[in-house]
N, C-alpha and C. Protein backbone atom coordinates (compact mmCIF):
# COMPACT_ATOMS: atom_id res chain seq x y z
N UNK A 1 -9.37 -23.36 -5.32
CA UNK A 1 -8.08 -22.67 -5.21
C UNK A 1 -7.82 -22.25 -3.78
N UNK A 2 -8.85 -21.67 -3.14
CA UNK A 2 -8.66 -21.22 -1.77
C UNK A 2 -8.41 -22.38 -0.83
N UNK A 3 -9.15 -23.50 -1.06
CA UNK A 3 -8.99 -24.64 -0.17
C UNK A 3 -7.58 -25.22 -0.27
N UNK A 4 -7.05 -25.32 -1.48
CA UNK A 4 -5.71 -25.90 -1.65
C UNK A 4 -4.62 -24.98 -1.12
N UNK A 5 -4.95 -23.68 -0.94
CA UNK A 5 -3.95 -22.73 -0.48
C UNK A 5 -3.92 -22.58 1.02
N UNK A 6 -4.73 -23.30 1.75
CA UNK A 6 -4.81 -23.13 3.20
C UNK A 6 -3.68 -23.91 3.87
N UNK A 7 -2.52 -23.39 3.79
CA UNK A 7 -1.37 -23.99 4.45
C UNK A 7 -1.00 -23.15 5.66
N UNK A 8 -0.37 -23.79 6.63
CA UNK A 8 -0.06 -23.09 7.88
C UNK A 8 1.14 -22.17 7.69
N UNK A 9 1.10 -20.97 8.25
CA UNK A 9 2.27 -20.10 8.22
C UNK A 9 3.35 -20.63 9.15
N UNK A 10 4.60 -20.16 9.01
CA UNK A 10 5.02 -19.02 8.19
C UNK A 10 5.19 -19.38 6.71
N UNK A 11 4.95 -18.38 5.85
CA UNK A 11 5.12 -18.53 4.41
C UNK A 11 6.39 -17.81 3.96
N UNK A 12 6.93 -18.28 2.87
CA UNK A 12 8.09 -17.60 2.28
C UNK A 12 7.60 -16.39 1.49
N UNK A 13 8.18 -15.23 1.77
CA UNK A 13 7.79 -13.99 1.09
C UNK A 13 8.91 -13.59 0.13
N UNK A 14 8.63 -13.49 -1.17
CA UNK A 14 9.68 -13.13 -2.13
C UNK A 14 10.08 -11.67 -2.01
N UNK A 15 11.31 -11.34 -2.41
CA UNK A 15 11.77 -9.94 -2.32
C UNK A 15 11.01 -8.99 -3.23
N UNK A 16 10.25 -9.53 -4.19
CA UNK A 16 9.45 -8.69 -5.07
C UNK A 16 8.49 -7.81 -4.28
N UNK A 17 7.99 -8.32 -3.16
CA UNK A 17 7.05 -7.56 -2.34
C UNK A 17 7.70 -6.29 -1.80
N UNK A 18 8.91 -6.44 -1.24
CA UNK A 18 9.62 -5.27 -0.70
C UNK A 18 10.01 -4.30 -1.81
N UNK A 19 10.44 -4.83 -2.96
CA UNK A 19 10.84 -3.96 -4.06
C UNK A 19 9.65 -3.16 -4.58
N UNK A 20 8.51 -3.83 -4.72
CA UNK A 20 7.31 -3.13 -5.19
C UNK A 20 6.88 -2.08 -4.18
N UNK A 21 6.90 -2.44 -2.90
CA UNK A 21 6.52 -1.50 -1.87
C UNK A 21 7.44 -0.29 -1.79
N UNK A 22 8.72 -0.49 -2.11
CA UNK A 22 9.68 0.60 -2.03
C UNK A 22 9.55 1.58 -3.19
N UNK A 23 8.96 1.16 -4.30
CA UNK A 23 8.94 2.01 -5.49
C UNK A 23 7.54 2.32 -6.01
N UNK A 24 6.50 1.75 -5.43
CA UNK A 24 5.15 2.01 -5.92
C UNK A 24 4.80 3.48 -5.69
N UNK A 25 4.04 4.06 -6.61
CA UNK A 25 3.68 5.47 -6.51
C UNK A 25 2.68 5.66 -5.38
N UNK A 26 2.88 6.71 -4.59
CA UNK A 26 1.98 7.02 -3.50
C UNK A 26 1.51 8.47 -3.66
N UNK A 27 0.22 8.65 -3.87
CA UNK A 27 -0.33 9.97 -4.15
C UNK A 27 -0.17 10.92 -2.96
N UNK A 28 -0.40 10.43 -1.75
CA UNK A 28 -0.27 11.29 -0.58
C UNK A 28 1.17 11.71 -0.36
N UNK A 29 2.07 10.78 -0.61
CA UNK A 29 3.49 11.10 -0.46
C UNK A 29 3.90 12.19 -1.44
N UNK A 30 3.45 12.10 -2.69
CA UNK A 30 3.79 13.12 -3.69
C UNK A 30 3.22 14.48 -3.30
N UNK A 31 2.06 14.47 -2.64
CA UNK A 31 1.47 15.72 -2.17
C UNK A 31 2.39 16.41 -1.16
N UNK A 32 2.92 15.64 -0.22
CA UNK A 32 3.79 16.23 0.80
C UNK A 32 5.13 16.70 0.20
N UNK A 33 5.61 15.99 -0.81
CA UNK A 33 6.82 16.45 -1.49
C UNK A 33 6.54 17.78 -2.19
N UNK A 34 5.36 17.91 -2.78
CA UNK A 34 4.99 19.16 -3.45
C UNK A 34 4.90 20.29 -2.44
N UNK A 35 4.31 20.02 -1.29
CA UNK A 35 4.24 21.04 -0.24
C UNK A 35 5.64 21.46 0.19
N UNK A 36 6.55 20.49 0.30
CA UNK A 36 7.93 20.80 0.69
C UNK A 36 8.58 21.74 -0.32
N UNK A 37 8.34 21.51 -1.61
CA UNK A 37 8.92 22.37 -2.65
C UNK A 37 8.33 23.78 -2.56
N UNK A 38 7.01 23.87 -2.37
CA UNK A 38 6.36 25.17 -2.30
C UNK A 38 6.85 25.96 -1.09
N UNK A 39 6.89 25.31 0.07
CA UNK A 39 7.33 25.99 1.29
C UNK A 39 8.80 26.38 1.17
N UNK A 40 9.62 25.51 0.60
CA UNK A 40 11.04 25.81 0.44
C UNK A 40 11.25 27.01 -0.47
N UNK A 41 10.47 27.07 -1.55
CA UNK A 41 10.59 28.21 -2.47
C UNK A 41 10.20 29.51 -1.78
N UNK A 42 9.18 29.43 -0.91
CA UNK A 42 8.73 30.63 -0.19
C UNK A 42 9.76 31.08 0.84
N UNK A 43 10.50 30.13 1.40
CA UNK A 43 11.48 30.45 2.45
C UNK A 43 12.87 30.74 1.91
N UNK A 44 13.08 30.50 0.61
CA UNK A 44 14.44 30.53 0.06
C UNK A 44 15.13 31.88 0.27
N UNK A 45 14.42 32.97 -0.01
CA UNK A 45 15.07 34.29 0.06
C UNK A 45 15.15 34.84 1.48
N UNK A 46 14.18 34.46 2.31
CA UNK A 46 14.12 35.03 3.66
C UNK A 46 14.78 34.14 4.71
N UNK A 47 14.50 32.85 4.64
CA UNK A 47 15.04 31.90 5.64
C UNK A 47 15.71 30.71 4.94
N UNK A 48 16.81 30.95 4.25
CA UNK A 48 17.45 29.87 3.49
C UNK A 48 17.95 28.71 4.35
N UNK A 49 18.27 28.99 5.62
CA UNK A 49 18.78 27.91 6.48
C UNK A 49 17.69 26.91 6.85
N UNK A 50 16.43 27.32 6.67
CA UNK A 50 15.31 26.42 7.01
C UNK A 50 15.07 25.39 5.91
N UNK A 51 15.43 25.73 4.67
CA UNK A 51 15.09 24.90 3.51
C UNK A 51 15.63 23.47 3.63
N UNK A 52 16.92 23.26 3.98
CA UNK A 52 17.39 21.88 4.09
C UNK A 52 16.62 21.06 5.12
N UNK A 53 16.20 21.71 6.20
CA UNK A 53 15.45 21.00 7.22
C UNK A 53 14.09 20.54 6.69
N UNK A 54 13.47 21.35 5.85
CA UNK A 54 12.18 20.97 5.27
C UNK A 54 12.33 19.73 4.41
N UNK A 55 13.32 19.74 3.51
CA UNK A 55 13.55 18.57 2.66
C UNK A 55 13.92 17.35 3.49
N UNK A 56 14.75 17.54 4.50
CA UNK A 56 15.20 16.42 5.32
C UNK A 56 14.02 15.80 6.08
N UNK A 57 13.14 16.63 6.62
CA UNK A 57 11.99 16.12 7.38
C UNK A 57 11.05 15.34 6.48
N UNK A 58 10.77 15.88 5.29
CA UNK A 58 9.86 15.19 4.37
C UNK A 58 10.46 13.88 3.89
N UNK A 59 11.75 13.91 3.55
CA UNK A 59 12.41 12.68 3.10
C UNK A 59 12.43 11.62 4.19
N UNK A 60 12.79 12.01 5.39
CA UNK A 60 12.85 11.06 6.50
C UNK A 60 11.46 10.51 6.80
N UNK A 61 10.46 11.40 6.83
CA UNK A 61 9.10 10.94 7.09
C UNK A 61 8.62 9.96 6.04
N UNK A 62 8.91 10.26 4.76
CA UNK A 62 8.49 9.37 3.68
C UNK A 62 9.18 8.01 3.78
N UNK A 63 10.48 8.01 4.10
CA UNK A 63 11.21 6.74 4.21
C UNK A 63 10.71 5.91 5.39
N UNK A 64 10.43 6.56 6.52
CA UNK A 64 9.90 5.83 7.68
C UNK A 64 8.53 5.25 7.36
N UNK A 65 7.68 6.05 6.72
CA UNK A 65 6.34 5.59 6.36
C UNK A 65 6.40 4.38 5.43
N UNK A 66 7.25 4.47 4.40
CA UNK A 66 7.37 3.35 3.46
C UNK A 66 7.94 2.12 4.15
N UNK A 67 8.95 2.30 4.97
CA UNK A 67 9.57 1.16 5.65
C UNK A 67 8.58 0.44 6.55
N UNK A 68 7.76 1.20 7.26
CA UNK A 68 6.77 0.58 8.15
C UNK A 68 5.71 -0.17 7.36
N UNK A 69 5.28 0.40 6.24
CA UNK A 69 4.28 -0.28 5.41
C UNK A 69 4.84 -1.58 4.83
N UNK A 70 6.08 -1.52 4.35
CA UNK A 70 6.70 -2.73 3.78
C UNK A 70 6.83 -3.80 4.86
N UNK A 71 7.28 -3.41 6.06
CA UNK A 71 7.43 -4.38 7.15
C UNK A 71 6.09 -5.02 7.50
N UNK A 72 5.02 -4.22 7.47
CA UNK A 72 3.70 -4.78 7.77
C UNK A 72 3.22 -5.71 6.68
N UNK A 73 3.43 -5.33 5.42
CA UNK A 73 3.04 -6.21 4.31
C UNK A 73 3.78 -7.55 4.40
N UNK A 74 5.08 -7.50 4.64
CA UNK A 74 5.87 -8.73 4.73
C UNK A 74 5.39 -9.58 5.91
N UNK A 75 5.12 -8.95 7.04
CA UNK A 75 4.63 -9.68 8.21
C UNK A 75 3.28 -10.33 7.93
N UNK A 76 2.39 -9.58 7.27
CA UNK A 76 1.07 -10.13 6.96
C UNK A 76 1.17 -11.33 6.01
N UNK A 77 2.03 -11.23 5.02
CA UNK A 77 2.18 -12.34 4.08
C UNK A 77 2.87 -13.54 4.74
N UNK A 78 3.82 -13.27 5.59
CA UNK A 78 4.54 -14.36 6.24
C UNK A 78 3.63 -15.12 7.21
N UNK A 79 2.81 -14.39 7.95
CA UNK A 79 2.00 -15.01 8.99
C UNK A 79 0.50 -15.02 8.66
N UNK A 80 0.15 -14.68 7.43
CA UNK A 80 -1.25 -14.58 7.08
C UNK A 80 -1.91 -15.93 6.84
N UNK A 81 -3.19 -15.99 7.19
CA UNK A 81 -4.02 -17.15 6.88
C UNK A 81 -5.24 -16.64 6.12
N UNK A 82 -5.75 -17.47 5.22
CA UNK A 82 -6.91 -17.07 4.44
C UNK A 82 -8.15 -17.16 5.31
N UNK A 83 -8.83 -16.04 5.45
CA UNK A 83 -10.01 -15.97 6.32
C UNK A 83 -11.28 -16.28 5.54
N UNK A 84 -12.28 -16.73 6.26
CA UNK A 84 -13.60 -16.96 5.69
C UNK A 84 -14.44 -15.71 5.90
N UNK A 85 -14.98 -15.17 4.81
CA UNK A 85 -15.83 -14.00 4.90
C UNK A 85 -17.23 -14.44 5.33
N UNK A 86 -17.75 -13.83 6.37
CA UNK A 86 -19.06 -14.19 6.89
C UNK A 86 -20.17 -13.26 6.41
N UNK A 87 -19.97 -11.95 6.57
CA UNK A 87 -20.97 -10.99 6.13
C UNK A 87 -20.29 -9.77 5.53
N UNK A 88 -21.01 -9.09 4.65
CA UNK A 88 -20.53 -7.85 4.03
C UNK A 88 -21.66 -6.84 4.05
N UNK A 89 -21.41 -5.68 4.65
CA UNK A 89 -22.36 -4.57 4.65
C UNK A 89 -21.74 -3.41 3.90
N UNK A 90 -22.46 -2.90 2.89
CA UNK A 90 -21.91 -1.86 2.02
C UNK A 90 -22.73 -0.59 2.13
N UNK A 91 -22.03 0.54 2.23
CA UNK A 91 -22.67 1.85 2.29
C UNK A 91 -22.05 2.76 1.23
N UNK A 92 -22.85 3.65 0.66
CA UNK A 92 -22.38 4.59 -0.35
C UNK A 92 -21.62 5.73 0.32
N UNK A 93 -20.52 6.18 -0.34
CA UNK A 93 -19.70 7.26 0.21
C UNK A 93 -19.52 8.42 -0.76
N UNK A 94 -20.35 8.51 -1.81
CA UNK A 94 -20.29 9.66 -2.72
C UNK A 94 -19.50 9.38 -3.98
N UNK A 95 -19.49 10.35 -4.87
CA UNK A 95 -18.81 10.23 -6.16
C UNK A 95 -17.34 10.63 -6.03
N UNK A 96 -16.50 9.89 -6.72
CA UNK A 96 -15.07 10.18 -6.70
C UNK A 96 -14.48 9.88 -8.08
N UNK A 97 -13.28 10.42 -8.30
CA UNK A 97 -12.48 10.08 -9.48
C UNK A 97 -11.10 9.71 -8.95
N UNK A 98 -10.81 8.43 -8.92
CA UNK A 98 -9.56 7.97 -8.31
C UNK A 98 -9.18 6.61 -8.88
N UNK A 99 -7.95 6.21 -8.57
CA UNK A 99 -7.45 4.91 -9.02
C UNK A 99 -7.76 3.88 -7.94
N UNK A 100 -8.42 2.78 -8.34
CA UNK A 100 -8.85 1.77 -7.39
C UNK A 100 -8.25 0.42 -7.73
N UNK A 101 -8.06 -0.39 -6.70
CA UNK A 101 -7.69 -1.80 -6.86
C UNK A 101 -8.85 -2.64 -6.33
N UNK A 102 -9.36 -3.53 -7.15
CA UNK A 102 -10.52 -4.33 -6.76
C UNK A 102 -10.19 -5.81 -6.98
N UNK A 103 -10.44 -6.62 -5.94
CA UNK A 103 -10.10 -8.04 -5.99
C UNK A 103 -11.33 -8.89 -6.25
N UNK A 104 -11.16 -9.85 -7.16
CA UNK A 104 -12.13 -10.91 -7.38
C UNK A 104 -11.38 -12.22 -7.21
N UNK A 105 -11.56 -12.86 -6.06
CA UNK A 105 -10.70 -14.01 -5.76
C UNK A 105 -9.28 -13.53 -5.60
N UNK A 106 -8.35 -14.17 -6.33
CA UNK A 106 -6.94 -13.76 -6.31
C UNK A 106 -6.64 -12.69 -7.34
N UNK A 107 -7.56 -12.49 -8.28
CA UNK A 107 -7.32 -11.55 -9.37
C UNK A 107 -7.60 -10.12 -8.91
N UNK A 108 -6.64 -9.23 -9.16
CA UNK A 108 -6.77 -7.82 -8.77
C UNK A 108 -6.71 -6.96 -10.02
N UNK A 109 -7.71 -6.12 -10.18
CA UNK A 109 -7.73 -5.16 -11.28
C UNK A 109 -7.49 -3.77 -10.71
N UNK A 110 -6.53 -3.07 -11.30
CA UNK A 110 -6.21 -1.70 -10.89
C UNK A 110 -6.49 -0.77 -12.05
N UNK A 111 -7.36 0.21 -11.82
CA UNK A 111 -7.73 1.12 -12.89
C UNK A 111 -8.31 2.40 -12.31
N UNK A 112 -8.35 3.43 -13.17
CA UNK A 112 -9.00 4.67 -12.79
C UNK A 112 -10.50 4.48 -12.84
N UNK A 113 -11.17 5.04 -11.87
CA UNK A 113 -12.62 4.85 -11.74
C UNK A 113 -13.28 6.18 -11.42
N UNK A 114 -14.36 6.47 -12.13
CA UNK A 114 -15.17 7.65 -11.86
C UNK A 114 -16.59 7.19 -11.58
N UNK A 115 -17.08 7.51 -10.41
CA UNK A 115 -18.42 7.08 -10.05
C UNK A 115 -18.61 7.01 -8.55
N UNK A 116 -19.59 6.25 -8.14
CA UNK A 116 -19.93 6.14 -6.73
C UNK A 116 -18.94 5.24 -6.02
N UNK A 117 -18.35 5.74 -4.94
CA UNK A 117 -17.43 4.96 -4.12
C UNK A 117 -18.19 4.45 -2.90
N UNK A 118 -17.90 3.21 -2.52
CA UNK A 118 -18.58 2.59 -1.39
C UNK A 118 -17.58 2.24 -0.29
N UNK A 119 -18.11 1.93 0.87
CA UNK A 119 -17.30 1.41 1.96
C UNK A 119 -17.97 0.13 2.46
N UNK A 120 -17.25 -0.97 2.36
CA UNK A 120 -17.80 -2.27 2.75
C UNK A 120 -17.22 -2.69 4.09
N UNK A 121 -18.10 -3.03 5.03
CA UNK A 121 -17.68 -3.59 6.31
C UNK A 121 -17.68 -5.11 6.17
N UNK A 122 -16.50 -5.69 6.15
CA UNK A 122 -16.35 -7.13 5.91
C UNK A 122 -16.05 -7.82 7.24
N UNK A 123 -16.92 -8.73 7.63
CA UNK A 123 -16.70 -9.52 8.84
C UNK A 123 -16.19 -10.89 8.44
N UNK A 124 -15.13 -11.34 9.11
CA UNK A 124 -14.47 -12.58 8.70
C UNK A 124 -14.18 -13.46 9.91
N UNK A 125 -13.85 -14.71 9.61
CA UNK A 125 -13.44 -15.65 10.64
C UNK A 125 -12.14 -16.31 10.21
N UNK A 126 -11.17 -16.33 11.14
CA UNK A 126 -9.89 -16.99 10.89
C UNK A 126 -9.67 -17.98 12.03
N UNK A 127 -9.96 -19.25 11.81
CA UNK A 127 -9.91 -20.23 12.88
C UNK A 127 -11.02 -19.95 13.88
N UNK A 128 -10.65 -19.79 15.14
CA UNK A 128 -11.64 -19.47 16.18
C UNK A 128 -11.80 -17.96 16.37
N UNK A 129 -10.98 -17.18 15.73
CA UNK A 129 -11.02 -15.73 15.91
C UNK A 129 -11.90 -15.09 14.84
N UNK A 130 -12.54 -14.00 15.22
CA UNK A 130 -13.35 -13.22 14.30
C UNK A 130 -12.90 -11.77 14.32
N UNK A 131 -13.11 -11.09 13.23
CA UNK A 131 -12.75 -9.69 13.14
C UNK A 131 -13.47 -9.03 11.99
N UNK A 132 -13.15 -7.77 11.75
CA UNK A 132 -13.76 -7.06 10.64
C UNK A 132 -12.76 -6.05 10.08
N UNK A 133 -12.96 -5.67 8.84
CA UNK A 133 -12.16 -4.64 8.21
C UNK A 133 -13.05 -3.86 7.26
N UNK A 134 -12.59 -2.68 6.88
CA UNK A 134 -13.34 -1.82 5.98
C UNK A 134 -12.62 -1.74 4.65
N UNK A 135 -13.38 -1.91 3.58
CA UNK A 135 -12.83 -1.87 2.23
C UNK A 135 -13.48 -0.71 1.50
N UNK A 136 -12.67 0.26 1.11
CA UNK A 136 -13.17 1.46 0.45
C UNK A 136 -12.90 1.37 -1.05
N UNK A 137 -13.89 1.71 -1.85
CA UNK A 137 -13.75 1.67 -3.30
C UNK A 137 -14.99 1.09 -3.93
N UNK A 138 -14.79 0.05 -4.74
CA UNK A 138 -15.92 -0.68 -5.30
C UNK A 138 -16.48 -1.64 -4.25
N UNK A 139 -17.75 -2.04 -4.37
CA UNK A 139 -18.32 -2.96 -3.38
C UNK A 139 -17.50 -4.26 -3.31
N UNK A 140 -17.21 -4.70 -2.10
CA UNK A 140 -16.46 -5.94 -1.90
C UNK A 140 -17.28 -7.11 -2.42
N UNK A 141 -16.61 -8.02 -3.16
CA UNK A 141 -17.30 -9.18 -3.70
C UNK A 141 -16.69 -10.47 -3.15
N UNK A 142 -15.68 -10.99 -3.85
CA UNK A 142 -15.11 -12.28 -3.45
C UNK A 142 -13.60 -12.20 -3.26
N UNK A 143 -13.07 -11.02 -2.99
CA UNK A 143 -11.63 -10.88 -2.83
C UNK A 143 -11.10 -11.70 -1.66
N UNK A 144 -9.90 -12.23 -1.81
CA UNK A 144 -9.27 -13.01 -0.75
C UNK A 144 -8.92 -12.10 0.42
N UNK A 145 -9.27 -12.53 1.63
CA UNK A 145 -8.97 -11.79 2.84
C UNK A 145 -7.92 -12.56 3.63
N UNK A 146 -6.82 -11.87 3.99
CA UNK A 146 -5.78 -12.48 4.81
C UNK A 146 -5.87 -11.92 6.22
N UNK A 147 -5.87 -12.80 7.21
CA UNK A 147 -5.83 -12.39 8.62
C UNK A 147 -4.47 -12.78 9.19
N UNK A 148 -3.92 -11.93 10.02
CA UNK A 148 -2.62 -12.19 10.64
C UNK A 148 -2.80 -13.25 11.73
N UNK A 149 -2.11 -14.36 11.61
CA UNK A 149 -2.30 -15.47 12.56
C UNK A 149 -1.87 -15.11 13.97
N UNK A 150 -0.94 -14.14 14.12
CA UNK A 150 -0.51 -13.72 15.45
C UNK A 150 -1.35 -12.56 15.98
N UNK A 151 -2.04 -11.87 15.08
CA UNK A 151 -2.94 -10.78 15.47
C UNK A 151 -4.22 -10.92 14.65
N UNK A 152 -5.10 -11.84 15.00
CA UNK A 152 -6.27 -12.14 14.17
C UNK A 152 -7.18 -10.95 13.92
N UNK A 153 -7.11 -9.92 14.76
CA UNK A 153 -7.94 -8.74 14.55
C UNK A 153 -7.43 -7.89 13.38
N UNK A 154 -6.22 -8.16 12.91
CA UNK A 154 -5.65 -7.42 11.79
C UNK A 154 -5.80 -8.24 10.52
N UNK A 155 -6.32 -7.61 9.48
CA UNK A 155 -6.55 -8.32 8.23
C UNK A 155 -6.43 -7.35 7.05
N UNK A 156 -6.20 -7.90 5.87
CA UNK A 156 -6.10 -7.12 4.65
C UNK A 156 -6.73 -7.90 3.50
N UNK A 157 -7.33 -7.16 2.58
CA UNK A 157 -7.77 -7.77 1.33
C UNK A 157 -6.57 -7.85 0.40
N UNK A 158 -6.54 -8.85 -0.45
CA UNK A 158 -5.39 -9.07 -1.32
C UNK A 158 -5.12 -7.87 -2.22
N UNK A 159 -6.15 -7.06 -2.49
CA UNK A 159 -5.98 -5.87 -3.33
C UNK A 159 -5.27 -4.74 -2.60
N UNK A 160 -5.08 -4.85 -1.28
CA UNK A 160 -4.38 -3.81 -0.52
C UNK A 160 -2.87 -3.88 -0.70
N UNK A 161 -2.38 -4.97 -1.25
CA UNK A 161 -0.94 -5.12 -1.47
C UNK A 161 -0.55 -4.48 -2.80
N UNK A 162 0.68 -4.00 -2.92
CA UNK A 162 1.07 -3.29 -4.15
C UNK A 162 1.41 -4.20 -5.32
N UNK A 163 1.48 -5.51 -5.11
CA UNK A 163 1.83 -6.44 -6.18
C UNK A 163 0.77 -7.52 -6.31
N UNK A 164 0.81 -8.26 -7.41
CA UNK A 164 -0.12 -9.36 -7.64
C UNK A 164 0.42 -10.61 -6.95
N UNK A 165 -0.44 -11.29 -6.22
CA UNK A 165 -0.01 -12.39 -5.36
C UNK A 165 -0.78 -13.67 -5.63
N UNK A 166 -0.09 -14.79 -5.42
CA UNK A 166 -0.70 -16.12 -5.43
C UNK A 166 0.00 -16.95 -4.37
N UNK A 167 -0.75 -17.81 -3.71
CA UNK A 167 -0.18 -18.70 -2.69
C UNK A 167 -0.36 -20.13 -3.15
N UNK A 168 0.78 -20.86 -3.28
CA UNK A 168 0.67 -22.23 -3.76
C UNK A 168 0.37 -23.18 -2.60
N UNK A 169 0.20 -24.43 -2.92
CA UNK A 169 -0.18 -25.42 -1.92
C UNK A 169 0.89 -25.76 -0.92
N UNK A 170 2.11 -25.26 -1.13
CA UNK A 170 3.22 -25.51 -0.20
C UNK A 170 3.55 -24.28 0.64
N UNK A 171 2.67 -23.32 0.64
CA UNK A 171 2.85 -22.16 1.51
C UNK A 171 3.87 -21.16 1.02
N UNK A 172 4.07 -21.07 -0.29
CA UNK A 172 5.02 -20.11 -0.83
C UNK A 172 4.27 -19.07 -1.66
N UNK A 173 4.60 -17.81 -1.43
CA UNK A 173 3.98 -16.74 -2.18
C UNK A 173 4.70 -16.55 -3.51
N UNK A 174 3.93 -16.31 -4.54
CA UNK A 174 4.46 -15.87 -5.82
C UNK A 174 3.97 -14.45 -6.03
N UNK A 175 4.90 -13.52 -6.21
CA UNK A 175 4.55 -12.11 -6.37
C UNK A 175 5.03 -11.62 -7.72
N UNK A 176 4.18 -10.88 -8.41
CA UNK A 176 4.54 -10.33 -9.71
C UNK A 176 4.20 -8.84 -9.74
N UNK A 177 4.92 -8.10 -10.57
CA UNK A 177 4.68 -6.66 -10.66
C UNK A 177 3.35 -6.40 -11.36
N UNK A 178 2.55 -5.48 -10.86
CA UNK A 178 1.28 -5.16 -11.51
C UNK A 178 1.50 -4.39 -12.81
N UNK A 179 0.47 -4.33 -13.61
CA UNK A 179 0.55 -3.60 -14.88
C UNK A 179 0.84 -2.13 -14.62
N UNK A 180 1.77 -1.56 -15.37
CA UNK A 180 2.15 -0.17 -15.20
C UNK A 180 3.11 0.09 -14.06
N UNK A 181 3.66 -0.99 -13.49
CA UNK A 181 4.53 -0.81 -12.32
C UNK A 181 5.76 0.01 -12.64
N UNK A 182 6.39 -0.24 -13.79
CA UNK A 182 7.65 0.43 -14.08
C UNK A 182 7.46 1.93 -14.29
N UNK A 183 6.29 2.34 -14.80
CA UNK A 183 6.02 3.78 -14.88
C UNK A 183 5.93 4.38 -13.49
N UNK A 184 5.24 3.68 -12.59
CA UNK A 184 5.14 4.16 -11.21
C UNK A 184 6.51 4.20 -10.53
N UNK A 185 7.29 3.14 -10.74
CA UNK A 185 8.62 3.08 -10.12
C UNK A 185 9.50 4.22 -10.62
N UNK A 186 9.45 4.50 -11.92
CA UNK A 186 10.25 5.59 -12.48
C UNK A 186 9.83 6.93 -11.89
N UNK A 187 8.52 7.12 -11.75
CA UNK A 187 8.03 8.38 -11.17
C UNK A 187 8.45 8.52 -9.71
N UNK A 188 8.41 7.42 -8.96
CA UNK A 188 8.80 7.46 -7.55
C UNK A 188 10.29 7.75 -7.41
N UNK A 189 11.10 7.09 -8.21
CA UNK A 189 12.56 7.34 -8.17
C UNK A 189 12.85 8.79 -8.54
N UNK A 190 12.15 9.32 -9.55
CA UNK A 190 12.36 10.72 -9.93
C UNK A 190 11.94 11.65 -8.80
N UNK A 191 10.84 11.35 -8.13
CA UNK A 191 10.37 12.18 -7.02
C UNK A 191 11.41 12.25 -5.90
N UNK A 192 11.92 11.09 -5.51
CA UNK A 192 12.93 11.07 -4.45
C UNK A 192 14.23 11.70 -4.94
N UNK A 193 14.54 11.52 -6.21
CA UNK A 193 15.75 12.13 -6.76
C UNK A 193 15.69 13.64 -6.71
N UNK A 194 14.53 14.22 -7.06
CA UNK A 194 14.37 15.66 -6.99
C UNK A 194 14.47 16.15 -5.55
N UNK A 195 13.88 15.40 -4.63
CA UNK A 195 13.93 15.81 -3.22
C UNK A 195 15.37 15.77 -2.70
N UNK A 196 16.11 14.73 -3.06
CA UNK A 196 17.51 14.64 -2.62
C UNK A 196 18.34 15.76 -3.26
N UNK A 197 18.06 16.05 -4.55
CA UNK A 197 18.77 17.14 -5.22
C UNK A 197 18.45 18.47 -4.54
N UNK A 198 17.17 18.67 -4.16
CA UNK A 198 16.80 19.89 -3.46
C UNK A 198 17.52 20.02 -2.13
N UNK A 199 17.64 18.91 -1.41
CA UNK A 199 18.35 18.92 -0.14
C UNK A 199 19.82 19.25 -0.35
N UNK A 200 20.43 18.63 -1.36
CA UNK A 200 21.86 18.85 -1.63
C UNK A 200 22.14 20.30 -2.02
N UNK A 201 21.30 20.83 -2.93
CA UNK A 201 21.49 22.22 -3.38
C UNK A 201 21.30 23.19 -2.23
N UNK A 202 20.26 22.98 -1.42
CA UNK A 202 19.98 23.89 -0.33
C UNK A 202 21.08 23.85 0.73
N UNK A 203 21.68 22.68 0.94
CA UNK A 203 22.81 22.61 1.88
C UNK A 203 24.00 23.41 1.37
N UNK A 204 24.16 23.46 0.06
CA UNK A 204 25.27 24.23 -0.50
C UNK A 204 25.10 25.72 -0.38
N UNK A 205 23.86 26.18 -0.17
CA UNK A 205 23.62 27.63 -0.07
C UNK A 205 23.39 28.10 1.37
N UNK A 206 23.65 27.21 2.33
CA UNK A 206 23.45 27.61 3.74
C UNK A 206 24.47 28.66 4.15
């Protein structure tokens, strides 16, 4: 499968990638939205004019962060080449309870995991260039590694993308929504909706 998929970039990237990236749930982002709500509630009676600025800053920061990640994902898929993994060194990083994405070949499993988390240093070769990346979670096995053909030092494991991907023999990506995507998308839309409502209401009380 990997051999037949080694076609030269650029590849066609479907809009599913951008849509998934725009609506996938982000735990860190939700944390900052929660902080914005807490700080706004604390400032409401004393400094009400500050509240709209808090919501605006968090919203703008979240949108910029998402936009940059989506642009990078699209660039990596458009210009990515399948790298050859040379060595893998794995170290233990302690016990965690978190949601992990783990790749075996092209197949990505996303699930909650409780146990020992590792960090794998993966060294790869893409043409004449070599590089390395770190994979945190379960020990790296046979996941597909993509290296950016214009920046060979930059690479991603296929499990780092928010959607399920396959590359056909003609250099076209097929992207599908992962399991549970619509629940995540609904939660993300609700999160942004509450933030926008908070901004609108606070502007009305300035």
